[in-house]
């Protein structure tokens, strides 16, 4: 199912980020097992974002982020697809599911 501002799969809700997500994002970004994959991103809506969604599970808990970005290294000539999940949600195929839904 897809609405104008959210996308759903059988297990996930991809939705716009809100101010309420800031604490979860900071916790996620501060976790060394997550931070090593996201580098120095400190803002969940960087200026290079084309589309950026929070990933929520069935309990409506923010478990990650997925988005498309213009490539900074190639001066916006290419697009990158990025996804990050809290460690306890990794290894379950959720990142692949979120990425596939975003590019559908």
Foldseek 3Di string as FASTA:
>chain_A
DDDPAWFDDPWKIWGADDPVCLVVVVVQCPPVVQVVQVPPDPDQDDPFWPDKTFIAGPVRDGFWMWTKGQDPVVVRPDIDTDITGRPVPPPPCPRVVVSVRVVD
